């Protein structure tokens, strides 16, 4: 995707998230594991679609909402004891960076 940092950071996040969530207890595999993976991949799909369309704003707004879902479910996972605090902190840093990149893209479209 044109070597844009948001695509690389999102890819890196998903590649980190999937092996991590696969290790969640069996009782959470169809709940938190599936939810987090689906939301992260949906976020990536929305970014890819936005890169290929003229009207990007609605897709980026949807991506922003999807990113909020990922953040919320990561926090829930930590509070449920599925993530260690260090893992959550790492994820939060990644989400912050991705969020800033997304915000910058959205702001650039408004200019």
PDB file of N, CA and C in Angstrom:
ATOM      1  N   UNK A   1       0.823  -1.195   0.000  1.00  0.00           N
ATOM      2  CA  UNK A   1       0.000   0.000   0.000  1.00  0.00           C
ATOM      3  C   UNK A   1       0.868   1.260   0.000  1.00  0.00           C
ATOM      4  N   UNK A   2       1.562   1.512  -1.030  1.00  0.00           N
ATOM      5  CA  UNK A   2       2.315   2.743  -1.197  1.00  0.00           C
ATOM      6  C   UNK A   2       3.272   3.011  -0.035  1.00  0.00           C
ATOM      7  N   UNK A   3       3.681   1.956   0.686  1.00  0.00           N
ATOM      8  CA  UNK A   3       4.634   2.066   1.797  1.00  0.00           C
ATOM      9  C   UNK A   3       4.207   3.065   2.872  1.00  0.00           C
ATOM     10  N   UNK A   4       2.945   3.310   3.029  1.00  0.00           N
ATOM     11  CA  UNK A   4       2.450   4.206   4.060  1.00  0.00           C
ATOM     12  C   UNK A   4       2.632   3.536   5.420  1.00  0.00           C
ATOM     13  N   UNK A   5       3.085   4.296   6.402  1.00  0.00           N
ATOM     14  CA  UNK A   5       3.327   3.708   7.728  1.00  0.00           C
ATOM     15  C   UNK A   5       2.094   3.077   8.364  1.00  0.00           C
ATOM     16  N   UNK A   6       0.902   3.594   8.098  1.00  0.00           N
ATOM     17  CA  UNK A   6      -0.292   3.024   8.742  1.00  0.00           C
ATOM     18  C   UNK A   6      -0.521   1.584   8.295  1.00  0.00           C
ATOM     19  N   UNK A   7      -0.220   1.277   7.054  1.00  0.00           N
ATOM     20  CA  UNK A   7      -0.406  -0.082   6.566  1.00  0.00           C
ATOM     21  C   UNK A   7       0.615  -1.024   7.190  1.00  0.00           C
ATOM     22  N   UNK A   8       1.844  -0.565   7.297  1.00  0.00           N
ATOM     23  CA  UNK A   8       2.897  -1.377   7.910  1.00  0.00           C
ATOM     24  C   UNK A   8       2.628  -1.598   9.396  1.00  0.00           C
ATOM     25  N   UNK A   9       2.223  -0.556  10.103  1.00  0.00           N
ATOM     26  CA  UNK A   9       1.963  -0.682  11.550  1.00  0.00           C
ATOM     27  C   UNK A   9       0.747  -1.577  11.808  1.00  0.00           C
ATOM     28  N   UNK A  10      -0.265  -1.449  10.963  1.00  0.00           N
ATOM     29  CA  UNK A  10      -1.454  -2.293  11.117  1.00  0.00           C
ATOM     30  C   UNK A  10      -1.110  -3.753  10.852  1.00  0.00           C
ATOM     31  N   UNK A  11      -0.340  -3.991   9.823  1.00  0.00           N
ATOM     32  CA  UNK A  11       0.102  -5.355   9.507  1.00  0.00           C
ATOM     33  C   UNK A  11       0.892  -5.932  10.687  1.00  0.00           C
ATOM     34  N   UNK A  12       1.835  -5.151  11.203  1.00  0.00           N
ATOM     35  CA  UNK A  12       2.640  -5.602  12.340  1.00  0.00           C
ATOM     36  C   UNK A  12       1.771  -5.899  13.552  1.00  0.00           C
ATOM     37  N   UNK A  13       0.772  -5.050  13.800  1.00  0.00           N
ATOM     38  CA  UNK A  13      -0.128  -5.264  14.928  1.00  0.00           C
ATOM     39  C   UNK A  13      -0.895  -6.574  14.777  1.00  0.00           C
ATOM     40  N   UNK A  14      -1.446  -6.809  13.596  1.00  0.00           N
ATOM     41  CA  UNK A  14      -2.218  -8.039  13.373  1.00  0.00           C
ATOM     42  C   UNK A  14      -1.332  -9.271  13.495  1.00  0.00           C
ATOM     43  N   UNK A  15      -0.112  -9.179  12.973  1.00  0.00           N
ATOM     44  CA  UNK A  15       0.815 -10.301  13.069  1.00  0.00           C
ATOM     45  C   UNK A  15       1.232 -10.558  14.516  1.00  0.00           C
ATOM     46  N   UNK A  16       1.188  -9.572  15.358  1.00  0.00           N
ATOM     47  CA  UNK A  16       1.455  -9.727  16.793  1.00  0.00           C
ATOM     48  C   UNK A  16       0.207 -10.251  17.510  1.00  0.00           C
ATOM     49  N   UNK A  17      -0.963  -9.732  17.133  1.00  0.00           N
ATOM     50  CA  UNK A  17      -2.215 -10.043  17.817  1.00  0.00           C
ATOM     51  C   UNK A  17      -2.676 -11.487  17.617  1.00  0.00           C
ATOM     52  N   UNK A  18      -2.609 -11.983  16.415  1.00  0.00           N
ATOM     53  CA  UNK A  18      -3.165 -13.306  16.126  1.00  0.00           C
ATOM     54  C   UNK A  18      -2.489 -14.412  16.949  1.00  0.00           C
ATOM     55  N   UNK A  19      -1.162 -14.514  16.949  1.00  0.00           N
ATOM     56  CA  UNK A  19      -0.558 -15.564  17.789  1.00  0.00           C
ATOM     57  C   UNK A  19      -0.855 -15.375  19.281  1.00  0.00           C
ATOM     58  N   UNK A  20      -0.979 -14.137  19.705  1.00  0.00           N
ATOM     59  CA  UNK A  20      -1.280 -13.861  21.109  1.00  0.00           C
ATOM     60  C   UNK A  20      -2.679 -14.349  21.474  1.00  0.00           C
ATOM     61  N   UNK A  21      -3.658 -14.023  20.653  1.00  0.00           N
ATOM     62  CA  UNK A  21      -5.038 -14.384  20.978  1.00  0.00           C
ATOM     63  C   UNK A  21      -5.302 -15.881  20.822  1.00  0.00           C
ATOM     64  N   UNK A  22      -4.531 -16.543  19.988  1.00  0.00           N
ATOM     65  CA  UNK A  22      -4.684 -17.996  19.841  1.00  0.00           C
ATOM     66  C   UNK A  22      -4.374 -18.690  21.172  1.00  0.00           C
ATOM     67  N   UNK A  23      -3.565 -18.048  21.992  1.00  0.00           N
ATOM     68  CA  UNK A  23      -3.199 -18.618  23.294  1.00  0.00           C
ATOM     69  C   UNK A  23      -4.223 -18.334  24.388  1.00  0.00           C
ATOM     70  N   UNK A  24      -5.271 -17.587  24.071  1.00  0.00           N
ATOM     71  CA  UNK A  24      -6.325 -17.349  25.060  1.00  0.00           C
ATOM     72  C   UNK A  24      -6.937 -18.709  25.440  1.00  0.00           C
ATOM     73  N   UNK A  25      -7.499 -18.810  26.636  1.00  0.00           N
ATOM     74  CA  UNK A  25      -8.129 -20.075  27.042  1.00  0.00           C
ATOM     75  C   UNK A  25      -9.230 -20.488  26.065  1.00  0.00           C
ATOM     76  N   UNK A  26      -9.418 -21.775  25.987  1.00  0.00           N
ATOM     77  CA  UNK A  26     -10.416 -22.347  25.073  1.00  0.00           C
ATOM     78  C   UNK A  26     -11.791 -21.691  25.260  1.00  0.00           C
ATOM     79  N   UNK A  27     -12.132 -21.368  26.496  1.00  0.00           N
ATOM     80  CA  UNK A  27     -13.448 -20.772  26.775  1.00  0.00           C
ATOM     81  C   UNK A  27     -13.621 -19.400  26.129  1.00  0.00           C
ATOM     82  N   UNK A  28     -12.527 -18.752  25.748  1.00  0.00           N
ATOM     83  CA  UNK A  28     -12.597 -17.414  25.142  1.00  0.00           C
ATOM     84  C   UNK A  28     -12.313 -17.404  23.644  1.00  0.00           C
ATOM     85  N   UNK A  29     -12.024 -18.560  23.072  1.00  0.00           N
ATOM     86  CA  UNK A  29     -11.647 -18.592  21.660  1.00  0.00           C
ATOM     87  C   UNK A  29     -12.759 -18.134  20.728  1.00  0.00           C
ATOM     88  N   UNK A  30     -13.999 -18.404  21.090  1.00  0.00           N
ATOM     89  CA  UNK A  30     -15.104 -18.008  20.222  1.00  0.00           C
ATOM     90  C   UNK A  30     -15.685 -16.663  20.620  1.00  0.00           C
ATOM     91  N   UNK A  31     -15.140 -16.089  21.673  1.00  0.00           N
ATOM     92  CA  UNK A  31     -15.620 -14.792  22.125  1.00  0.00           C
ATOM     93  C   UNK A  31     -14.527 -13.752  21.873  1.00  0.00           C
ATOM     94  N   UNK A  32     -13.584 -13.628  22.781  1.00  0.00           N
ATOM     95  CA  UNK A  32     -12.577 -12.568  22.666  1.00  0.00           C
ATOM     96  C   UNK A  32     -11.579 -12.816  21.533  1.00  0.00           C
ATOM     97  N   UNK A  33     -11.137 -14.039  21.365  1.00  0.00           N
ATOM     98  CA  UNK A  33     -10.187 -14.313  20.282  1.00  0.00           C
ATOM     99  C   UNK A  33     -10.795 -13.970  18.931  1.00  0.00           C
ATOM    100  N   UNK A  34     -11.954 -14.526  18.668  1.00  0.00           N
ATOM    101  CA  UNK A  34     -12.617 -14.292  17.378  1.00  0.00           C
ATOM    102  C   UNK A  34     -12.954 -12.819  17.193  1.00  0.00           C
ATOM    103  N   UNK A  35     -13.427 -12.181  18.257  1.00  0.00           N
ATOM    104  CA  UNK A  35     -13.812 -10.769  18.165  1.00  0.00           C
ATOM    105  C   UNK A  35     -12.616  -9.885  17.853  1.00  0.00           C
ATOM    106  N   UNK A  36     -11.542 -10.040  18.616  1.00  0.00           N
ATOM    107  CA  UNK A  36     -10.354  -9.203  18.398  1.00  0.00           C
ATOM    108  C   UNK A  36      -9.758  -9.412  17.011  1.00  0.00           C
ATOM    109  N   UNK A  37      -9.647 -10.653  16.610  1.00  0.00           N
ATOM    110  CA  UNK A  37      -9.082 -10.930  15.292  1.00  0.00           C
ATOM    111  C   UNK A  37      -9.954 -10.347  14.183  1.00  0.00           C
ATOM    112  N   UNK A  38     -11.248 -10.533  14.289  1.00  0.00           N
ATOM    113  CA  UNK A  38     -12.167 -10.027  13.248  1.00  0.00           C
ATOM    114  C   UNK A  38     -12.133  -8.507  13.175  1.00  0.00           C
ATOM    115  N   UNK A  39     -12.121  -7.844  14.330  1.00  0.00           N
ATOM    116  CA  UNK A  39     -12.100  -6.376  14.332  1.00  0.00           C
ATOM    117  C   UNK A  39     -10.791  -5.831  13.776  1.00  0.00           C
ATOM    118  N   UNK A  40      -9.687  -6.436  14.136  1.00  0.00           N
ATOM    119  CA  UNK A  40      -8.396  -5.974  13.628  1.00  0.00           C
ATOM    120  C   UNK A  40      -8.309  -6.153  12.116  1.00  0.00           C
ATOM    121  N   UNK A  41      -8.782  -7.284  11.635  1.00  0.00           N
ATOM    122  CA  UNK A  41      -8.753  -7.533  10.187  1.00  0.00           C
ATOM    123  C   UNK A  41      -9.736  -6.619   9.462  1.00  0.00           C
ATOM    124  N   UNK A  42     -10.889  -6.367  10.049  1.00  0.00           N
ATOM    125  CA  UNK A  42     -11.853  -5.435   9.452  1.00  0.00           C
ATOM    126  C   UNK A  42     -11.245  -4.031   9.367  1.00  0.00           C
ATOM    127  N   UNK A  43     -10.528  -3.617  10.413  1.00  0.00           N
ATOM    128  CA  UNK A  43      -9.850  -2.327  10.392  1.00  0.00           C
ATOM    129  C   UNK A  43      -8.883  -2.262   9.208  1.00  0.00           C
ATOM    130  N   UNK A  44      -8.094  -3.314   9.036  1.00  0.00           N
ATOM    131  CA  UNK A  44      -7.140  -3.359   7.928  1.00  0.00           C
ATOM    132  C   UNK A  44      -7.867  -3.319   6.576  1.00  0.00           C
ATOM    133  N   UNK A  45      -8.961  -4.045   6.452  1.00  0.00           N
ATOM    134  CA  UNK A  45      -9.738  -4.043   5.204  1.00  0.00           C
ATOM    135  C   UNK A  45     -10.247  -2.644   4.866  1.00  0.00           C
ATOM    136  N   UNK A  46     -10.738  -1.942   5.871  1.00  0.00           N
ATOM    137  CA  UNK A  46     -11.251  -0.584   5.642  1.00  0.00           C
ATOM    138  C   UNK A  46     -10.141   0.353   5.175  1.00  0.00           C
ATOM    139  N   UNK A  47      -8.955   0.208   5.740  1.00  0.00           N
ATOM    140  CA  UNK A  47      -7.822   1.034   5.297  1.00  0.00           C
ATOM    141  C   UNK A  47      -7.477   0.746   3.841  1.00  0.00           C
ATOM    142  N   UNK A  48      -7.454  -0.522   3.495  1.00  0.00           N
ATOM    143  CA  UNK A  48      -7.127  -0.908   2.117  1.00  0.00           C
ATOM    144  C   UNK A  48      -8.177  -0.370   1.147  1.00  0.00           C
ATOM    145  N   UNK A  49      -9.445  -0.494   1.514  1.00  0.00           N
ATOM    146  CA  UNK A  49     -10.510   0.038   0.656  1.00  0.00           C
ATOM    147  C   UNK A  49     -10.378   1.555   0.510  1.00  0.00           C
ATOM    148  N   UNK A  50     -10.083   2.246   1.589  1.00  0.00           N
ATOM    149  CA  UNK A  50      -9.941   3.704   1.546  1.00  0.00           C
ATOM    150  C   UNK A  50      -8.801   4.112   0.623  1.00  0.00           C
ATOM    151  N   UNK A  51      -7.757   3.329   0.606  1.00  0.00           N
ATOM    152  CA  UNK A  51      -6.611   3.647  -0.249  1.00  0.00           C
ATOM    153  C   UNK A  51      -6.963   3.553  -1.729  1.00  0.00           C
ATOM    154  N   UNK A  52      -7.997   2.798  -2.048  1.00  0.00           N
ATOM    155  CA  UNK A  52      -8.353   2.556  -3.448  1.00  0.00           C
ATOM    156  C   UNK A  52      -9.576   3.334  -3.929  1.00  0.00           C
ATOM    157  N   UNK A  53     -10.188   4.097  -3.066  1.00  0.00           N
ATOM    158  CA  UNK A  53     -11.404   4.821  -3.457  1.00  0.00           C
ATOM    159  C   UNK A  53     -11.181   6.327  -3.393  1.00  0.00           C
ATOM    160  N   UNK A  54     -11.951   7.029  -4.204  1.00  0.00           N
ATOM    161  CA  UNK A  54     -11.869   8.489  -4.184  1.00  0.00           C
ATOM    162  C   UNK A  54     -12.492   9.053  -2.919  1.00  0.00           C
ATOM    163  N   UNK A  55     -13.636   8.527  -2.537  1.00  0.00           N
ATOM    164  CA  UNK A  55     -14.325   8.975  -1.325  1.00  0.00           C
ATOM    165  C   UNK A  55     -13.833   8.153  -0.145  1.00  0.00           C
ATOM    166  N   UNK A  56     -12.881   8.699   0.585  1.00  0.00           N
ATOM    167  CA  UNK A  56     -12.224   7.979   1.655  1.00  0.00           C
ATOM    168  C   UNK A  56     -12.811   8.248   3.031  1.00  0.00           C
ATOM    169  N   UNK A  57     -13.410   9.398   3.233  1.00  0.00           N
ATOM    170  CA  UNK A  57     -13.793   9.862   4.568  1.00  0.00           C
ATOM    171  C   UNK A  57     -14.694   8.880   5.316  1.00  0.00           C
ATOM    172  N   UNK A  58     -15.733   8.365   4.659  1.00  0.00           N
ATOM    173  CA  UNK A  58     -16.644   7.437   5.338  1.00  0.00           C
ATOM    174  C   UNK A  58     -15.933   6.146   5.734  1.00  0.00           C
ATOM    175  N   UNK A  59     -15.072   5.656   4.854  1.00  0.00           N
ATOM    176  CA  UNK A  59     -14.325   4.442   5.166  1.00  0.00           C
ATOM    177  C   UNK A  59     -13.371   4.667   6.335  1.00  0.00           C
ATOM    178  N   UNK A  60     -12.741   5.835   6.357  1.00  0.00           N
ATOM    179  CA  UNK A  60     -11.814   6.130   7.453  1.00  0.00           C
ATOM    180  C   UNK A  60     -12.550   6.334   8.772  1.00  0.00           C
ATOM    181  N   UNK A  61     -13.742   6.904   8.718  1.00  0.00           N
ATOM    182  CA  UNK A  61     -14.555   7.020   9.936  1.00  0.00           C
ATOM    183  C   UNK A  61     -14.952   5.641  10.449  1.00  0.00           C
ATOM    184  N   UNK A  62     -15.286   4.743   9.547  1.00  0.00           N
ATOM    185  CA  UNK A  62     -15.612   3.373   9.939  1.00  0.00           C
ATOM    186  C   UNK A  62     -14.380   2.674  10.511  1.00  0.00           C
ATOM    187  N   UNK A  63     -13.227   2.931   9.911  1.00  0.00           N
ATOM    188  CA  UNK A  63     -11.976   2.356  10.414  1.00  0.00           C
ATOM    189  C   UNK A  63     -11.682   2.871  11.822  1.00  0.00           C
ATOM    190  N   UNK A  64     -11.946   4.150  12.053  1.00  0.00           N
ATOM    191  CA  UNK A  64     -11.733   4.730  13.376  1.00  0.00           C
ATOM    192  C   UNK A  64     -12.625   4.054  14.417  1.00  0.00           C
ATOM    193  N   UNK A  65     -13.858   3.799  14.059  1.00  0.00           N
ATOM    194  CA  UNK A  65     -14.776   3.105  14.971  1.00  0.00           C
ATOM    195  C   UNK A  65     -14.293   1.676  15.230  1.00  0.00           C
ATOM    196  N   UNK A  66     -13.799   1.029  14.200  1.00  0.00           N
ATOM    197  CA  UNK A  66     -13.292  -0.341  14.350  1.00  0.00           C
ATOM    198  C   UNK A  66     -12.063  -0.359  15.266  1.00  0.00           C
ATOM    199  N   UNK A  67     -11.222   0.641  15.136  1.00  0.00           N
ATOM    200  CA  UNK A  67     -10.046   0.743  15.998  1.00  0.00           C
ATOM    201  C   UNK A  67     -10.458   0.931  17.453  1.00  0.00           C
ATOM    202  N   UNK A  68     -11.499   1.703  17.692  1.00  0.00           N
ATOM    203  CA  UNK A  68     -12.018   1.864  19.054  1.00  0.00           C
ATOM    204  C   UNK A  68     -12.531   0.537  19.620  1.00  0.00           C
ATOM    205  N   UNK A  69     -13.147  -0.262  18.781  1.00  0.00           N
ATOM    206  CA  UNK A  69     -13.610  -1.580  19.219  1.00  0.00           C
ATOM    207  C   UNK A  69     -12.428  -2.448  19.646  1.00  0.00           C
ATOM    208  N   UNK A  70     -11.374  -2.427  18.831  1.00  0.00           N
ATOM    209  CA  UNK A  70     -10.178  -3.211  19.161  1.00  0.00           C
ATOM    210  C   UNK A  70      -9.614  -2.745  20.503  1.00  0.00           C
ATOM    211  N   UNK A  71      -9.491  -1.432  20.668  1.00  0.00           N
ATOM    212  CA  UNK A  71      -8.974  -0.892  21.940  1.00  0.00           C
ATOM    213  C   UNK A  71      -9.815  -1.362  23.126  1.00  0.00           C
ATOM    214  N   UNK A  72     -11.117  -1.268  22.990  1.00  0.00           N
ATOM    215  CA  UNK A  72     -12.030  -1.654  24.067  1.00  0.00           C
ATOM    216  C   UNK A  72     -11.888  -3.132  24.406  1.00  0.00           C
ATOM    217  N   UNK A  73     -11.819  -3.972  23.394  1.00  0.00           N
ATOM    218  CA  UNK A  73     -11.750  -5.404  23.637  1.00  0.00           C
ATOM    219  C   UNK A  73     -10.371  -5.837  24.137  1.00  0.00           C
ATOM    220  N   UNK A  74      -9.346  -5.103  23.762  1.00  0.00           N
ATOM    221  CA  UNK A  74      -8.024  -5.377  24.338  1.00  0.00           C
ATOM    222  C   UNK A  74      -8.033  -5.067  25.833  1.00  0.00           C
ATOM    223  N   UNK A  75      -8.659  -3.952  26.191  1.00  0.00           N
ATOM    224  CA  UNK A  75      -8.736  -3.589  27.605  1.00  0.00           C
ATOM    225  C   UNK A  75      -9.549  -4.618  28.383  1.00  0.00           C
ATOM    226  N   UNK A  76     -10.661  -5.045  27.808  1.00  0.00           N
ATOM    227  CA  UNK A  76     -11.468  -6.076  28.455  1.00  0.00           C
ATOM    228  C   UNK A  76     -10.657  -7.359  28.639  1.00  0.00           C
ATOM    229  N   UNK A  77      -9.872  -7.709  27.626  1.00  0.00           N
ATOM    230  CA  UNK A  77      -9.035  -8.910  27.706  1.00  0.00           C
ATOM    231  C   UNK A  77      -8.032  -8.809  28.844  1.00  0.00           C
ATOM    232  N   UNK A  78      -7.461  -7.630  29.010  1.00  0.00           N
ATOM    233  CA  UNK A  78      -6.511  -7.429  30.099  1.00  0.00           C
ATOM    234  C   UNK A  78      -7.220  -7.534  31.448  1.00  0.00           C
ATOM    235  N   UNK A  79      -8.376  -6.906  31.561  1.00  0.00           N
ATOM    236  CA  UNK A  79      -9.115  -6.930  32.820  1.00  0.00           C
ATOM    237  C   UNK A  79      -9.644  -8.326  33.157  1.00  0.00           C
ATOM    238  N   UNK A  80      -9.831  -9.160  32.141  1.00  0.00           N
ATOM    239  CA  UNK A  80     -10.281 -10.536  32.357  1.00  0.00           C
ATOM    240  C   UNK A  80      -9.098 -11.469  32.638  1.00  0.00           C
ATOM    241  N   UNK A  81      -7.897 -10.927  32.591  1.00  0.00           N
ATOM    242  CA  UNK A  81      -6.708 -11.738  32.846  1.00  0.00           C
ATOM    243  C   UNK A  81      -6.217 -12.522  31.644  1.00  0.00           C
ATOM    244  N   UNK A  82      -6.701 -12.182  30.463  1.00  0.00           N
ATOM    245  CA  UNK A  82      -6.280 -12.878  29.248  1.00  0.00           C
ATOM    246  C   UNK A  82      -4.973 -12.309  28.699  1.00  0.00           C
ATOM    247  N   UNK A  83      -4.689 -11.063  29.037  1.00  0.00           N
ATOM    248  CA  UNK A  83      -3.446 -10.398  28.650  1.00  0.00           C
ATOM    249  C   UNK A  83      -2.702  -9.980  29.910  1.00  0.00           C
ATOM    250  N   UNK A  84      -1.403 -10.061  29.843  1.00  0.00           N
ATOM    251  CA  UNK A  84      -0.585  -9.530  30.929  1.00  0.00           C
ATOM    252  C   UNK A  84      -0.489  -8.022  30.741  1.00  0.00           C
ATOM    253  N   UNK A  85      -0.178  -7.315  31.815  1.00  0.00           N
ATOM    254  CA  UNK A  85      -0.137  -5.853  31.720  1.00  0.00           C
ATOM    255  C   UNK A  85       0.889  -5.384  30.690  1.00  0.00           C
ATOM    256  N   UNK A  86       2.017  -6.054  30.584  1.00  0.00           N
ATOM    257  CA  UNK A  86       3.030  -5.677  29.589  1.00  0.00           C
ATOM    258  C   UNK A  86       2.534  -5.871  28.168  1.00  0.00           C
ATOM    259  N   UNK A  87       1.775  -6.917  27.950  1.00  0.00           N
ATOM    260  CA  UNK A  87       1.199  -7.156  26.620  1.00  0.00           C
ATOM    261  C   UNK A  87       0.175  -6.071  26.289  1.00  0.00           C
ATOM    262  N   UNK A  88      -0.617  -5.725  27.284  1.00  0.00           N
ATOM    263  CA  UNK A  88      -1.613  -4.672  27.071  1.00  0.00           C
ATOM    264  C   UNK A  88      -0.932  -3.340  26.785  1.00  0.00           C
ATOM    265  N   UNK A  89       0.123  -3.022  27.529  1.00  0.00           N
ATOM    266  CA  UNK A  89       0.854  -1.772  27.308  1.00  0.00           C
ATOM    267  C   UNK A  89       1.439  -1.730  25.905  1.00  0.00           C
ATOM    268  N   UNK A  90       1.991  -2.844  25.454  1.00  0.00           N
ATOM    269  CA  UNK A  90       2.541  -2.907  24.099  1.00  0.00           C
ATOM    270  C   UNK A  90       1.438  -2.671  23.063  1.00  0.00           C
ATOM    271  N   UNK A  91       0.307  -3.336  23.258  1.00  0.00           N
ATOM    272  CA  UNK A  91      -0.822  -3.164  22.344  1.00  0.00           C
ATOM    273  C   UNK A  91      -1.325  -1.727  22.358  1.00  0.00           C
ATOM    274  N   UNK A  92      -1.396  -1.126  23.544  1.00  0.00           N
ATOM    275  CA  UNK A  92      -1.871   0.253  23.658  1.00  0.00           C
ATOM    276  C   UNK A  92      -0.941   1.212  22.921  1.00  0.00           C
ATOM    277  N   UNK A  93       0.356   0.989  23.030  1.00  0.00           N
ATOM    278  CA  UNK A  93       1.312   1.838  22.289  1.00  0.00           C
ATOM    279  C   UNK A  93       1.114   1.688  20.787  1.00  0.00           C
ATOM    280  N   UNK A  94       0.923   0.453  20.334  1.00  0.00           N
ATOM    281  CA  UNK A  94       0.698   0.215  18.903  1.00  0.00           C
ATOM    282  C   UNK A  94      -0.596   0.887  18.447  1.00  0.00           C
ATOM    283  N   UNK A  95      -1.656   0.756  19.244  1.00  0.00           N
ATOM    284  CA  UNK A  95      -2.945   1.365  18.898  1.00  0.00           C
ATOM    285  C   UNK A  95      -2.841   2.885  18.870  1.00  0.00           C
ATOM    286  N   UNK A  96      -2.089   3.453  19.793  1.00  0.00           N
ATOM    287  CA  UNK A  96      -1.904   4.910  19.815  1.00  0.00           C
ATOM    288  C   UNK A  96      -1.208   5.380  18.548  1.00  0.00           C
ATOM    289  N   UNK A  97      -0.162   4.676  18.161  1.00  0.00           N
ATOM    290  CA  UNK A  97       0.561   5.055  16.948  1.00  0.00           C
ATOM    291  C   UNK A  97      -0.324   4.923  15.712  1.00  0.00           C
ATOM    292  N   UNK A  98      -1.049   3.828  15.619  1.00  0.00           N
ATOM    293  CA  UNK A  98      -1.949   3.622  14.478  1.00  0.00           C
ATOM    294  C   UNK A  98      -3.043   4.685  14.478  1.00  0.00           C
ATOM    295  N   UNK A  99      -3.579   4.997  15.642  1.00  0.00           N
ATOM    296  CA  UNK A  99      -4.615   6.027  15.752  1.00  0.00           C
ATOM    297  C   UNK A  99      -4.115   7.393  15.299  1.00  0.00           C
ATOM    298  N   UNK A 100      -2.884   7.730  15.654  1.00  0.00           N
ATOM    299  CA  UNK A 100      -2.307   9.009  15.214  1.00  0.00           C
ATOM    300  C   UNK A 100      -2.137   9.036  13.699  1.00  0.00           C
ATOM    301  N   UNK A 101      -1.696   7.927  13.143  1.00  0.00           N
ATOM    302  CA  UNK A 101      -1.538   7.861  11.687  1.00  0.00           C
ATOM    303  C   UNK A 101      -2.892   7.983  10.989  1.00  0.00           C
ATOM    304  N   UNK A 102      -3.893   7.322  11.535  1.00  0.00           N
ATOM    305  CA  UNK A 102      -5.240   7.411  10.968  1.00  0.00           C
ATOM    306  C   UNK A 102      -5.775   8.837  11.089  1.00  0.00           C
ATOM    307  N   UNK A 103      -5.593   9.450  12.242  1.00  0.00           N
ATOM    308  CA  UNK A 103      -6.028  10.837  12.432  1.00  0.00           C
ATOM    309  C   UNK A 103      -5.344  11.786  11.468  1.00  0.00           C
ATOM    310  N   UNK A 104      -4.059  11.568  11.227  1.00  0.00           N
ATOM    311  CA  UNK A 104      -3.330  12.396  10.269  1.00  0.00           C
ATOM    312  C   UNK A 104      -3.876  12.242   8.856  1.00  0.00           C
ATOM    313  N   UNK A 105      -4.208  11.027   8.478  1.00  0.00           N
ATOM    314  CA  UNK A 105      -4.776  10.764   7.155  1.00  0.00           C
ATOM    315  C   UNK A 105      -6.120  11.463   7.028  1.00  0.00           C
ATOM    316  N   UNK A 106      -6.944  11.343   8.057  1.00  0.00           N
ATOM    317  CA  UNK A 106      -8.264  11.979   8.028  1.00  0.00           C
ATOM    318  C   UNK A 106      -8.139  13.507   7.968  1.00  0.00           C
ATOM    319  N   UNK A 107      -7.203  14.052   8.713  1.00  0.00           N
ATOM    320  CA  UNK A 107      -6.997  15.496   8.728  1.00  0.00           C
ATOM    321  C   UNK A 107      -6.501  15.987   7.372  1.00  0.00           C
ATOM    322  N   UNK A 108      -5.636  15.202   6.743  1.00  0.00           N
ATOM    323  CA  UNK A 108      -5.113  15.581   5.430  1.00  0.00           C
ATOM    324  C   UNK A 108      -6.234  15.649   4.380  1.00  0.00           C
ATOM    325  N   UNK A 109      -7.237  14.830   4.530  1.00  0.00           N
ATOM    326  CA  UNK A 109      -8.356  14.840   3.579  1.00  0.00           C
ATOM    327  C   UNK A 109      -9.228  16.072   3.743  1.00  0.00           C
ATOM    328  N   UNK A 110      -9.262  16.635   4.955  1.00  0.00           N
ATOM    329  CA  UNK A 110     -10.075  17.806   5.220  1.00  0.00           C
ATOM    330  C   UNK A 110      -9.418  19.085   4.730  1.00  0.00           C
ATOM    331  N   UNK A 111      -8.132  19.045   4.498  1.00  0.00           N
ATOM    332  CA  UNK A 111      -7.408  20.249   4.090  1.00  0.00           C
ATOM    333  C   UNK A 111      -7.702  20.645   2.670  1.00  0.00           C
TER     334      UNK A 111
END
